[in-house]
PDB file of N, CA and C in Angstrom:
ATOM      1  N   MET A   1     -53.448   5.345 -22.070  1.00  0.00           N
ATOM      2  CA  MET A   1     -52.092   4.734 -22.032  1.00  0.00           C
ATOM      3  C   MET A   1     -51.970   3.591 -22.975  1.00  0.00           C
ATOM      4  N   LYS A   2     -53.053   2.989 -23.359  1.00  0.00           N
ATOM      5  CA  LYS A   2     -53.020   1.882 -24.303  1.00  0.00           C
ATOM      6  C   LYS A   2     -52.754   2.428 -25.743  1.00  0.00           C
ATOM      7  N   TYR A   3     -52.953   3.703 -25.919  1.00  0.00           N
ATOM      8  CA  TYR A   3     -52.773   4.283 -27.261  1.00  0.00           C
ATOM      9  C   TYR A   3     -51.301   4.387 -27.656  1.00  0.00           C
ATOM     10  N   PHE A   4     -50.434   4.589 -26.692  1.00  0.00           N
ATOM     11  CA  PHE A   4     -49.011   4.756 -26.966  1.00  0.00           C
ATOM     12  C   PHE A   4     -48.351   3.584 -27.612  1.00  0.00           C
ATOM     13  N   PRO A   5     -48.566   2.288 -27.174  1.00  0.00           N
ATOM     14  CA  PRO A   5     -47.913   1.141 -27.936  1.00  0.00           C
ATOM     15  C   PRO A   5     -48.450   1.083 -29.375  1.00  0.00           C
ATOM     16  N   ASN A   6     -49.724   1.382 -29.601  1.00  0.00           N
ATOM     17  CA  ASN A   6     -50.229   1.336 -30.950  1.00  0.00           C
ATOM     18  C   ASN A   6     -49.648   2.427 -31.824  1.00  0.00           C
ATOM     19  N   MET A   7     -49.434   3.613 -31.259  1.00  0.00           N
ATOM     20  CA  MET A   7     -48.819   4.704 -31.967  1.00  0.00           C
ATOM     21  C   MET A   7     -47.344   4.341 -32.267  1.00  0.00           C
ATOM     22  N   PHE A   8     -46.712   3.736 -31.322  1.00  0.00           N
ATOM     23  CA  PHE A   8     -45.254   3.387 -31.552  1.00  0.00           C
ATOM     24  C   PHE A   8     -45.149   2.358 -32.624  1.00  0.00           C
ATOM     25  N   MET A   9     -46.022   1.346 -32.656  1.00  0.00           N
ATOM     26  CA  MET A   9     -45.954   0.279 -33.640  1.00  0.00           C
ATOM     27  C   MET A   9     -46.336   0.806 -35.025  1.00  0.00           C
ATOM     28  N   GLU A  10     -47.251   1.745 -35.070  1.00  0.00           N
ATOM     29  CA  GLU A  10     -47.604   2.352 -36.330  1.00  0.00           C
ATOM     30  C   GLU A  10     -46.414   3.180 -36.913  1.00  0.00           C
ATOM     31  N   TYR A  11     -45.734   3.971 -36.039  1.00  0.00           N
ATOM     32  CA  TYR A  11     -44.585   4.736 -36.439  1.00  0.00           C
ATOM     33  C   TYR A  11     -43.483   3.748 -36.962  1.00  0.00           C
ATOM     34  N   PHE A  12     -43.276   2.663 -36.255  1.00  0.00           N
ATOM     35  CA  PHE A  12     -42.209   1.710 -36.645  1.00  0.00           C
ATOM     36  C   PHE A  12     -42.555   1.066 -37.960  1.00  0.00           C
ATOM     37  N   ARG A  13     -43.868   0.710 -38.224  1.00  0.00           N
ATOM     38  CA  ARG A  13     -44.174   0.127 -39.484  1.00  0.00           C
ATOM     39  C   ARG A  13     -44.005   1.095 -40.662  1.00  0.00           C
ATOM     40  N   GLU A  14     -44.294   2.339 -40.408  1.00  0.00           N
ATOM     41  CA  GLU A  14     -44.165   3.350 -41.489  1.00  0.00           C
ATOM     42  C   GLU A  14     -42.724   3.635 -41.791  1.00  0.00           C
ATOM     43  N   ASN A  15     -41.807   3.460 -40.878  1.00  0.00           N
ATOM     44  CA  ASN A  15     -40.370   3.778 -41.077  1.00  0.00           C
ATOM     45  C   ASN A  15     -39.447   2.604 -41.051  1.00  0.00           C
ATOM     46  N   ILE A  16     -39.963   1.382 -41.237  1.00  0.00           N
ATOM     47  CA  ILE A  16     -39.211   0.191 -41.154  1.00  0.00           C
ATOM     48  C   ILE A  16     -38.021   0.207 -42.174  1.00  0.00           C
ATOM     49  N   GLY A  17     -38.282   0.755 -43.340  1.00  0.00           N
ATOM     50  CA  GLY A  17     -37.228   0.842 -44.368  1.00  0.00           C
ATOM     51  C   GLY A  17     -36.004   1.610 -43.941  1.00  0.00           C
ATOM     52  N   GLN A  18     -36.262   2.748 -43.287  1.00  0.00           N
ATOM     53  CA  GLN A  18     -35.147   3.551 -42.784  1.00  0.00           C
ATOM     54  C   GLN A  18     -34.365   2.799 -41.656  1.00  0.00           C
ATOM     55  N   TYR A  19     -35.051   2.130 -40.785  1.00  0.00           N
ATOM     56  CA  TYR A  19     -34.365   1.384 -39.708  1.00  0.00           C
ATOM     57  C   TYR A  19     -33.564   0.318 -40.323  1.00  0.00           C
ATOM     58  N   VAL A  20     -34.036  -0.397 -41.346  1.00  0.00           N
ATOM     59  CA  VAL A  20     -33.357  -1.513 -41.962  1.00  0.00           C
ATOM     60  C   VAL A  20     -32.044  -0.920 -42.638  1.00  0.00           C
ATOM     61  N   LEU A  21     -32.223   0.218 -43.372  1.00  0.00           N
ATOM     62  CA  LEU A  21     -31.071   0.830 -44.035  1.00  0.00           C
ATOM     63  C   LEU A  21     -29.974   1.207 -43.057  1.00  0.00           C
ATOM     64  N   LEU A  22     -30.360   1.888 -41.904  1.00  0.00           N
ATOM     65  CA  LEU A  22     -29.368   2.256 -40.949  1.00  0.00           C
ATOM     66  C   LEU A  22     -28.760   1.097 -40.278  1.00  0.00           C
ATOM     67  N   THR A  23     -29.496   0.039 -40.051  1.00  0.00           N
ATOM     68  CA  THR A  23     -28.978  -1.122 -39.409  1.00  0.00           C
ATOM     69  C   THR A  23     -27.967  -1.836 -40.335  1.00  0.00           C
ATOM     70  N   ILE A  24     -28.278  -1.889 -41.607  1.00  0.00           N
ATOM     71  CA  ILE A  24     -27.319  -2.542 -42.595  1.00  0.00           C
ATOM     72  C   ILE A  24     -26.022  -1.658 -42.699  1.00  0.00           C
ATOM     73  N   ILE A  25     -26.154  -0.388 -42.686  1.00  0.00           N
ATOM     74  CA  ILE A  25     -24.977   0.459 -42.709  1.00  0.00           C
ATOM     75  C   ILE A  25     -24.138   0.310 -41.468  1.00  0.00           C
ATOM     76  N   LEU A  26     -24.744   0.250 -40.336  1.00  0.00           N
ATOM     77  CA  LEU A  26     -24.011  -0.015 -39.102  1.00  0.00           C
ATOM     78  C   LEU A  26     -23.313  -1.309 -39.124  1.00  0.00           C
ATOM     79  N   ILE A  27     -24.001  -2.372 -39.541  1.00  0.00           N
ATOM     80  CA  ILE A  27     -23.382  -3.731 -39.586  1.00  0.00           C
ATOM     81  C   ILE A  27     -22.251  -3.744 -40.658  1.00  0.00           C
ATOM     82  N   ALA A  28     -22.470  -3.076 -41.761  1.00  0.00           N
ATOM     83  CA  ALA A  28     -21.370  -3.026 -42.773  1.00  0.00           C
ATOM     84  C   ALA A  28     -20.121  -2.327 -42.238  1.00  0.00           C
ATOM     85  N   GLY A  29     -20.337  -1.264 -41.410  1.00  0.00           N
ATOM     86  CA  GLY A  29     -19.183  -0.604 -40.761  1.00  0.00           C
ATOM     87  C   GLY A  29     -18.522  -1.558 -39.761  1.00  0.00           C
ATOM     88  N   ILE A  30     -19.247  -2.286 -39.033  1.00  0.00           N
ATOM     89  CA  ILE A  30     -18.649  -3.245 -38.100  1.00  0.00           C
ATOM     90  C   ILE A  30     -17.826  -4.314 -38.811  1.00  0.00           C
ATOM     91  N   ILE A  31     -18.416  -4.851 -39.870  1.00  0.00           N
ATOM     92  CA  ILE A  31     -17.728  -5.830 -40.717  1.00  0.00           C
ATOM     93  C   ILE A  31     -16.481  -5.313 -41.285  1.00  0.00           C
ATOM     94  N   ILE A  32     -16.544  -4.111 -41.915  1.00  0.00           N
ATOM     95  CA  ILE A  32     -15.348  -3.519 -42.539  1.00  0.00           C
ATOM     96  C   ILE A  32     -14.287  -3.217 -41.454  1.00  0.00           C
ATOM     97  N   GLY A  33     -14.715  -2.741 -40.296  1.00  0.00           N
ATOM     98  CA  GLY A  33     -13.763  -2.473 -39.252  1.00  0.00           C
ATOM     99  C   GLY A  33     -13.084  -3.693 -38.765  1.00  0.00           C
ATOM    100  N   SER A  34     -13.790  -4.822 -38.593  1.00  0.00           N
ATOM    101  CA  SER A  34     -13.090  -6.049 -38.138  1.00  0.00           C
ATOM    102  C   SER A  34     -12.229  -6.630 -39.217  1.00  0.00           C
ATOM    103  N   ILE A  35     -12.588  -6.465 -40.496  1.00  0.00           N
ATOM    104  CA  ILE A  35     -11.711  -6.899 -41.567  1.00  0.00           C
ATOM    105  C   ILE A  35     -10.433  -6.078 -41.603  1.00  0.00           C
ATOM    106  N   THR A  36     -10.582  -4.768 -41.390  1.00  0.00           N
ATOM    107  CA  THR A  36      -9.396  -3.884 -41.367  1.00  0.00           C
ATOM    108  C   THR A  36      -8.451  -4.268 -40.254  1.00  0.00           C
ATOM    109  N   VAL A  37      -8.899  -4.615 -39.107  1.00  0.00           N
ATOM    110  CA  VAL A  37      -8.072  -5.061 -38.036  1.00  0.00           C
ATOM    111  C   VAL A  37      -7.262  -6.233 -38.403  1.00  0.00           C
ATOM    112  N   ASN A  38      -7.862  -7.150 -39.137  1.00  0.00           N
ATOM    113  CA  ASN A  38      -7.138  -8.352 -39.570  1.00  0.00           C
ATOM    114  C   ASN A  38      -6.187  -8.172 -40.643  1.00  0.00           C
ATOM    115  N   LEU A  39      -6.248  -6.959 -41.328  1.00  0.00           N
ATOM    116  CA  LEU A  39      -5.366  -6.714 -42.512  1.00  0.00           C
ATOM    117  C   LEU A  39      -4.178  -5.809 -42.088  1.00  0.00           C
ATOM    118  N   ILE A  40      -4.086  -5.390 -40.854  1.00  0.00           N
ATOM    119  CA  ILE A  40      -2.954  -4.520 -40.475  1.00  0.00           C
ATOM    120  C   ILE A  40      -1.704  -5.341 -40.377  1.00  0.00           C
ATOM    121  N   SER A  41      -0.561  -4.672 -40.587  1.00  0.00           N
ATOM    122  CA  SER A  41       0.730  -5.398 -40.643  1.00  0.00           C
ATOM    123  C   SER A  41       1.155  -5.880 -39.219  1.00  0.00           C
ATOM    124  N   GLU A  42       2.142  -6.791 -39.224  1.00  0.00           N
ATOM    125  CA  GLU A  42       2.634  -7.321 -37.969  1.00  0.00           C
ATOM    126  C   GLU A  42       3.265  -6.247 -37.081  1.00  0.00           C
ATOM    127  N   ASN A  43       3.976  -5.278 -37.675  1.00  0.00           N
ATOM    128  CA  ASN A  43       4.617  -4.173 -36.912  1.00  0.00           C
ATOM    129  C   ASN A  43       3.549  -3.295 -36.284  1.00  0.00           C
ATOM    130  N   GLN A  44       2.441  -2.977 -37.076  1.00  0.00           N
ATOM    131  CA  GLN A  44       1.410  -2.178 -36.427  1.00  0.00           C
ATOM    132  C   GLN A  44       0.701  -2.923 -35.287  1.00  0.00           C
ATOM    133  N   MET A  45       0.499  -4.252 -35.467  1.00  0.00           N
ATOM    134  CA  MET A  45      -0.127  -5.038 -34.441  1.00  0.00           C
ATOM    135  C   MET A  45       0.733  -5.023 -33.220  1.00  0.00           C
ATOM    136  N   GLU A  46       2.063  -5.188 -33.354  1.00  0.00           N
ATOM    137  CA  GLU A  46       2.977  -5.120 -32.131  1.00  0.00           C
ATOM    138  C   GLU A  46       2.893  -3.753 -31.463  1.00  0.00           C
ATOM    139  N   ASN A  47       2.855  -2.704 -32.242  1.00  0.00           N
ATOM    140  CA  ASN A  47       2.813  -1.386 -31.653  1.00  0.00           C
ATOM    141  C   ASN A  47       1.441  -1.203 -30.804  1.00  0.00           C
ATOM    142  N   ILE A  48       0.421  -1.641 -31.439  1.00  0.00           N
ATOM    143  CA  ILE A  48      -0.897  -1.503 -30.722  1.00  0.00           C
ATOM    144  C   ILE A  48      -0.934  -2.384 -29.501  1.00  0.00           C
ATOM    145  N   LEU A  49      -0.442  -3.610 -29.543  1.00  0.00           N
ATOM    146  CA  LEU A  49      -0.441  -4.464 -28.412  1.00  0.00           C
ATOM    147  C   LEU A  49       0.463  -3.918 -27.272  1.00  0.00           C
ATOM    148  N   SER A  50       1.639  -3.347 -27.663  1.00  0.00           N
ATOM    149  CA  SER A  50       2.499  -2.801 -26.660  1.00  0.00           C
ATOM    150  C   SER A  50       1.874  -1.584 -25.986  1.00  0.00           C
ATOM    151  N   PHE A  51       1.123  -0.748 -26.774  1.00  0.00           N
ATOM    152  CA  PHE A  51       0.412   0.365 -26.211  1.00  0.00           C
ATOM    153  C   PHE A  51      -0.625  -0.076 -25.223  1.00  0.00           C
ATOM    154  N   ILE A  52      -1.455  -1.050 -25.633  1.00  0.00           N
ATOM    155  CA  ILE A  52      -2.508  -1.611 -24.733  1.00  0.00           C
ATOM    156  C   ILE A  52      -1.952  -2.208 -23.525  1.00  0.00           C
ATOM    157  N   ASN A  53      -0.861  -3.040 -23.657  1.00  0.00           N
ATOM    158  CA  ASN A  53      -0.272  -3.658 -22.510  1.00  0.00           C
ATOM    159  C   ASN A  53       0.353  -2.638 -21.594  1.00  0.00           C
ATOM    160  N   GLY A  54       0.908  -1.530 -22.062  1.00  0.00           N
ATOM    161  CA  GLY A  54       1.436  -0.498 -21.181  1.00  0.00           C
ATOM    162  C   GLY A  54       0.338   0.221 -20.477  1.00  0.00           C
ATOM    163  N   PHE A  55      -0.699   0.482 -21.088  1.00  0.00           N
ATOM    164  CA  PHE A  55      -1.846   1.082 -20.496  1.00  0.00           C
ATOM    165  C   PHE A  55      -2.448   0.168 -19.329  1.00  0.00           C
ATOM    166  N   LEU A  56      -2.569  -1.082 -19.684  1.00  0.00           N
ATOM    167  CA  LEU A  56      -3.163  -1.986 -18.677  1.00  0.00           C
ATOM    168  C   LEU A  56      -2.170  -2.216 -17.485  1.00  0.00           C
ATOM    169  N   ALA A  57      -0.890  -2.130 -17.744  1.00  0.00           N
ATOM    170  CA  ALA A  57       0.065  -2.356 -16.657  1.00  0.00           C
ATOM    171  C   ALA A  57      -0.001  -1.201 -15.678  1.00  0.00           C
ATOM    172  N   ASN A  58      -0.267   0.032 -16.139  1.00  0.00           N
ATOM    173  CA  ASN A  58      -0.383   1.202 -15.328  1.00  0.00           C
ATOM    174  C   ASN A  58      -1.762   1.573 -14.925  1.00  0.00           C
ATOM    175  N   PHE A  59      -2.721   0.695 -15.185  1.00  0.00           N
ATOM    176  CA  PHE A  59      -4.127   1.036 -14.976  1.00  0.00           C
ATOM    177  C   PHE A  59      -4.417   1.194 -13.485  1.00  0.00           C
ATOM    178  N   ASN A  60      -3.764   0.430 -12.644  1.00  0.00           N
ATOM    179  CA  ASN A  60      -4.044   0.580 -11.178  1.00  0.00           C
ATOM    180  C   ASN A  60      -3.424   1.838 -10.641  1.00  0.00           C
ATOM    181  N   ASN A  61      -2.437   2.394 -11.288  1.00  0.00           N
ATOM    182  CA  ASN A  61      -1.777   3.590 -10.759  1.00  0.00           C
ATOM    183  C   ASN A  61      -2.431   4.934 -11.239  1.00  0.00           C
ATOM    184  N   ILE A  62      -3.403   4.743 -12.188  1.00  0.00           N
ATOM    185  CA  ILE A  62      -4.074   5.965 -12.700  1.00  0.00           C
ATOM    186  C   ILE A  62      -5.271   6.349 -11.859  1.00  0.00           C
ATOM    187  N   SER A  63      -5.297   7.557 -11.527  1.00  0.00           N
ATOM    188  CA  SER A  63      -6.477   8.074 -10.760  1.00  0.00           C
ATOM    189  C   SER A  63      -7.511   8.530 -11.768  1.00  0.00           C
ATOM    190  N   VAL A  64      -8.692   8.092 -11.518  1.00  0.00           N
ATOM    191  CA  VAL A  64      -9.823   8.301 -12.441  1.00  0.00           C
ATOM    192  C   VAL A  64     -10.878   9.252 -11.827  1.00  0.00           C
ATOM    193  N   ASP A  65     -11.236  10.287 -12.519  1.00  0.00           N
ATOM    194  CA  ASP A  65     -12.318  11.160 -12.023  1.00  0.00           C
ATOM    195  C   ASP A  65     -13.575  10.835 -12.798  1.00  0.00           C
ATOM    196  N   ASN A  66     -14.451  10.037 -12.095  1.00  0.00           N
ATOM    197  CA  ASN A  66     -15.651   9.515 -12.816  1.00  0.00           C
ATOM    198  C   ASN A  66     -16.460  10.649 -13.346  1.00  0.00           C
ATOM    199  N   TYR A  67     -16.636  11.768 -12.636  1.00  0.00           N
ATOM    200  CA  TYR A  67     -17.402  12.841 -13.100  1.00  0.00           C
ATOM    201  C   TYR A  67     -16.910  13.406 -14.370  1.00  0.00           C
ATOM    202  N   SER A  68     -15.618  13.654 -14.502  1.00  0.00           N
ATOM    203  CA  SER A  68     -15.061  14.222 -15.724  1.00  0.00           C
ATOM    204  C   SER A  68     -15.176  13.252 -16.912  1.00  0.00           C
ATOM    205  N   ILE A  69     -14.995  11.954 -16.646  1.00  0.00           N
ATOM    206  CA  ILE A  69     -15.150  11.033 -17.731  1.00  0.00           C
ATOM    207  C   ILE A  69     -16.611  10.983 -18.263  1.00  0.00           C
ATOM    208  N   PHE A  70     -17.538  11.036 -17.277  1.00  0.00           N
ATOM    209  CA  PHE A  70     -18.948  11.056 -17.623  1.00  0.00           C
ATOM    210  C   PHE A  70     -19.320  12.307 -18.449  1.00  0.00           C
ATOM    211  N   TYR A  71     -18.751  13.466 -17.964  1.00  0.00           N
ATOM    212  CA  TYR A  71     -19.041  14.755 -18.573  1.00  0.00           C
ATOM    213  C   TYR A  71     -18.509  14.780 -20.053  1.00  0.00           C
ATOM    214  N   VAL A  72     -17.293  14.262 -20.204  1.00  0.00           N
ATOM    215  CA  VAL A  72     -16.679  14.304 -21.564  1.00  0.00           C
ATOM    216  C   VAL A  72     -17.451  13.398 -22.504  1.00  0.00           C
ATOM    217  N   SER A  73     -17.764  12.151 -21.978  1.00  0.00           N
ATOM    218  CA  SER A  73     -18.518  11.232 -22.815  1.00  0.00           C
ATOM    219  C   SER A  73     -19.913  11.778 -23.171  1.00  0.00           C
ATOM    220  N   LEU A  74     -20.605  12.322 -22.194  1.00  0.00           N
ATOM    221  CA  LEU A  74     -21.916  12.876 -22.451  1.00  0.00           C
ATOM    222  C   LEU A  74     -21.843  14.076 -23.430  1.00  0.00           C
ATOM    223  N   SER A  75     -20.859  14.945 -23.261  1.00  0.00           N
ATOM    224  CA  SER A  75     -20.749  16.088 -24.206  1.00  0.00           C
ATOM    225  C   SER A  75     -20.444  15.627 -25.585  1.00  0.00           C
ATOM    226  N   ASN A  76     -19.547  14.649 -25.743  1.00  0.00           N
ATOM    227  CA  ASN A  76     -19.208  14.182 -27.110  1.00  0.00           C
ATOM    228  C   ASN A  76     -20.441  13.550 -27.750  1.00  0.00           C
ATOM    229  N   ASN A  77     -21.173  12.734 -26.989  1.00  0.00           N
ATOM    230  CA  ASN A  77     -22.339  12.103 -27.616  1.00  0.00           C
ATOM    231  C   ASN A  77     -23.439  13.140 -27.920  1.00  0.00           C
ATOM    232  N   LEU A  78     -23.591  14.118 -27.074  1.00  0.00           N
ATOM    233  CA  LEU A  78     -24.568  15.168 -27.340  1.00  0.00           C
ATOM    234  C   LEU A  78     -24.175  16.003 -28.601  1.00  0.00           C
ATOM    235  N   LYS A  79     -22.844  16.257 -28.741  1.00  0.00           N
ATOM    236  CA  LYS A  79     -22.436  16.953 -29.912  1.00  0.00           C
ATOM    237  C   LYS A  79     -22.705  16.187 -31.185  1.00  0.00           C
ATOM    238  N   THR A  80     -22.524  14.864 -31.114  1.00  0.00           N
ATOM    239  CA  THR A  80     -22.778  13.998 -32.271  1.00  0.00           C
ATOM    240  C   THR A  80     -24.289  14.035 -32.571  1.00  0.00           C
ATOM    241  N   ALA A  81     -25.080  13.914 -31.513  1.00  0.00           N
ATOM    242  CA  ALA A  81     -26.533  13.865 -31.666  1.00  0.00           C
ATOM    243  C   ALA A  81     -27.043  15.187 -32.271  1.00  0.00           C
ATOM    244  N   PHE A  82     -26.433  16.308 -31.760  1.00  0.00           N
ATOM    245  CA  PHE A  82     -26.856  17.604 -32.223  1.00  0.00           C
ATOM    246  C   PHE A  82     -26.485  17.790 -33.710  1.00  0.00           C
ATOM    247  N   ALA A  83     -25.293  17.326 -34.042  1.00  0.00           N
ATOM    248  CA  ALA A  83     -24.821  17.410 -35.455  1.00  0.00           C
ATOM    249  C   ALA A  83     -25.737  16.555 -36.372  1.00  0.00           C
ATOM    250  N   MET A  84     -26.153  15.409 -35.894  1.00  0.00           N
ATOM    251  CA  MET A  84     -27.033  14.569 -36.725  1.00  0.00           C
ATOM    252  C   MET A  84     -28.396  15.222 -36.886  1.00  0.00           C
ATOM    253  N   ILE A  85     -28.874  15.847 -35.844  1.00  0.00           N
ATOM    254  CA  ILE A  85     -30.092  16.547 -35.919  1.00  0.00           C
ATOM    255  C   ILE A  85     -30.050  17.676 -36.927  1.00  0.00           C
ATOM    256  N   LEU A  86     -29.034  18.481 -36.827  1.00  0.00           N
ATOM    257  CA  LEU A  86     -28.837  19.633 -37.759  1.00  0.00           C
ATOM    258  C   LEU A  86     -28.686  19.098 -39.206  1.00  0.00           C
ATOM    259  N   LEU A  87     -27.931  18.066 -39.338  1.00  0.00           N
ATOM    260  CA  LEU A  87     -27.695  17.515 -40.710  1.00  0.00           C
ATOM    261  C   LEU A  87     -29.055  16.912 -41.262  1.00  0.00           C
ATOM    262  N   GLY A  88     -29.897  16.453 -40.400  1.00  0.00           N
ATOM    263  CA  GLY A  88     -31.166  15.887 -40.810  1.00  0.00           C
ATOM    264  C   GLY A  88     -32.092  16.898 -41.437  1.00  0.00           C
ATOM    265  N   PHE A  89     -31.907  18.203 -41.115  1.00  0.00           N
ATOM    266  CA  PHE A  89     -32.700  19.268 -41.656  1.00  0.00           C
ATOM    267  C   PHE A  89     -32.384  19.565 -43.107  1.00  0.00           C
ATOM    268  N   THR A  90     -31.214  19.078 -43.578  1.00  0.00           N
ATOM    269  CA  THR A  90     -30.797  19.413 -44.957  1.00  0.00           C
ATOM    270  C   THR A  90     -30.729  18.165 -45.861  1.00  0.00           C
ATOM    271  N   VAL A  91     -30.858  18.365 -47.098  1.00  0.00           N
ATOM    272  CA  VAL A  91     -30.763  17.222 -48.033  1.00  0.00           C
ATOM    273  C   VAL A  91     -29.317  16.749 -48.065  1.00  0.00           C
ATOM    274  N   VAL A  92     -28.346  17.626 -48.035  1.00  0.00           N
ATOM    275  CA  VAL A  92     -26.972  17.272 -48.075  1.00  0.00           C
ATOM    276  C   VAL A  92     -26.590  16.486 -46.834  1.00  0.00           C
ATOM    277  N   GLY A  93     -27.267  16.693 -45.724  1.00  0.00           N
ATOM    278  CA  GLY A  93     -26.909  15.986 -44.472  1.00  0.00           C
ATOM    279  C   GLY A  93     -27.180  14.566 -44.503  1.00  0.00           C
ATOM    280  N   PHE A  94     -28.095  14.044 -45.305  1.00  0.00           N
ATOM    281  CA  PHE A  94     -28.498  12.627 -45.251  1.00  0.00           C
ATOM    282  C   PHE A  94     -27.291  11.703 -45.530  1.00  0.00           C
ATOM    283  N   PRO A  95     -26.400  11.928 -46.586  1.00  0.00           N
ATOM    284  CA  PRO A  95     -25.314  11.055 -46.744  1.00  0.00           C
ATOM    285  C   PRO A  95     -24.282  11.243 -45.671  1.00  0.00           C
ATOM    286  N   LEU A  96     -24.186  12.415 -45.079  1.00  0.00           N
ATOM    287  CA  LEU A  96     -23.196  12.603 -43.942  1.00  0.00           C
ATOM    288  C   LEU A  96     -23.651  11.800 -42.790  1.00  0.00           C
ATOM    289  N   ILE A  97     -24.954  11.747 -42.529  1.00  0.00           N
ATOM    290  CA  ILE A  97     -25.472  10.930 -41.413  1.00  0.00           C
ATOM    291  C   ILE A  97     -25.134   9.518 -41.615  1.00  0.00           C
ATOM    292  N   LEU A  98     -25.303   8.993 -42.862  1.00  0.00           N
ATOM    293  CA  LEU A  98     -24.978   7.631 -43.162  1.00  0.00           C
ATOM    294  C   LEU A  98     -23.455   7.329 -42.949  1.00  0.00           C
ATOM    295  N   VAL A  99     -22.606   8.302 -43.367  1.00  0.00           N
ATOM    296  CA  VAL A  99     -21.179   8.189 -43.150  1.00  0.00           C
ATOM    297  C   VAL A  99     -20.852   8.171 -41.702  1.00  0.00           C
ATOM    298  N   LEU A 100     -21.521   8.967 -40.920  1.00  0.00           N
ATOM    299  CA  LEU A 100     -21.335   8.999 -39.483  1.00  0.00           C
ATOM    300  C   LEU A 100     -21.684   7.696 -38.810  1.00  0.00           C
ATOM    301  N   ILE A 101     -22.779   7.133 -39.204  1.00  0.00           N
ATOM    302  CA  ILE A 101     -23.203   5.850 -38.609  1.00  0.00           C
ATOM    303  C   ILE A 101     -22.253   4.698 -39.085  1.00  0.00           C
ATOM    304  N   PHE A 102     -21.801   4.731 -40.335  1.00  0.00           N
ATOM    305  CA  PHE A 102     -20.830   3.795 -40.852  1.00  0.00           C
ATOM    306  C   PHE A 102     -19.538   3.913 -40.010  1.00  0.00           C
ATOM    307  N   PHE A 103     -19.078   5.096 -39.785  1.00  0.00           N
ATOM    308  CA  PHE A 103     -17.838   5.333 -39.003  1.00  0.00           C
ATOM    309  C   PHE A 103     -17.998   4.769 -37.594  1.00  0.00           C
ATOM    310  N   ARG A 104     -19.125   5.016 -36.956  1.00  0.00           N
ATOM    311  CA  ARG A 104     -19.395   4.444 -35.636  1.00  0.00           C
ATOM    312  C   ARG A 104     -19.262   2.918 -35.587  1.00  0.00           C
ATOM    313  N   GLY A 105     -19.845   2.315 -36.644  1.00  0.00           N
ATOM    314  CA  GLY A 105     -19.739   0.873 -36.759  1.00  0.00           C
ATOM    315  C   GLY A 105     -18.302   0.441 -37.038  1.00  0.00           C
ATOM    316  N   PHE A 106     -17.607   1.150 -37.862  1.00  0.00           N
ATOM    317  CA  PHE A 106     -16.198   0.905 -38.159  1.00  0.00           C
ATOM    318  C   PHE A 106     -15.387   0.877 -36.886  1.00  0.00           C
ATOM    319  N   VAL A 107     -15.522   1.922 -36.078  1.00  0.00           N
ATOM    320  CA  VAL A 107     -14.828   2.027 -34.787  1.00  0.00           C
ATOM    321  C   VAL A 107     -15.241   0.898 -33.857  1.00  0.00           C
ATOM    322  N   LEU A 108     -16.461   0.562 -33.881  1.00  0.00           N
ATOM    323  CA  LEU A 108     -16.962  -0.593 -33.025  1.00  0.00           C
ATOM    324  C   LEU A 108     -16.329  -1.901 -33.499  1.00  0.00           C
ATOM    325  N   GLY A 109     -16.180  -2.065 -34.784  1.00  0.00           N
ATOM    326  CA  GLY A 109     -15.642  -3.284 -35.317  1.00  0.00           C
ATOM    327  C   GLY A 109     -14.216  -3.422 -35.087  1.00  0.00           C
TER     328      GLY A 109
END
């Protein structure tokens, strides 16, 4: 059992460059996403705020099926993971994986 942490640390040391690259791309997406939110017009901001306020006002009246929400979330994340795995098998897929990670950061920002 003591072998596993050593194996994990060796794997991490060998691939540190890839982890740093993916982290930088994710952080760049978060930064660009937050800058984009600050650049939207006043009219768009009012529309977004009215939509959010309308949703929050009716939040108590909405019935939520926890199972279906979990199922949809899990299936969407598994589809994304499966797409990334398939794209990882091709040379063309590498830039698409980077774009996908950037987009996730953009949405998060």
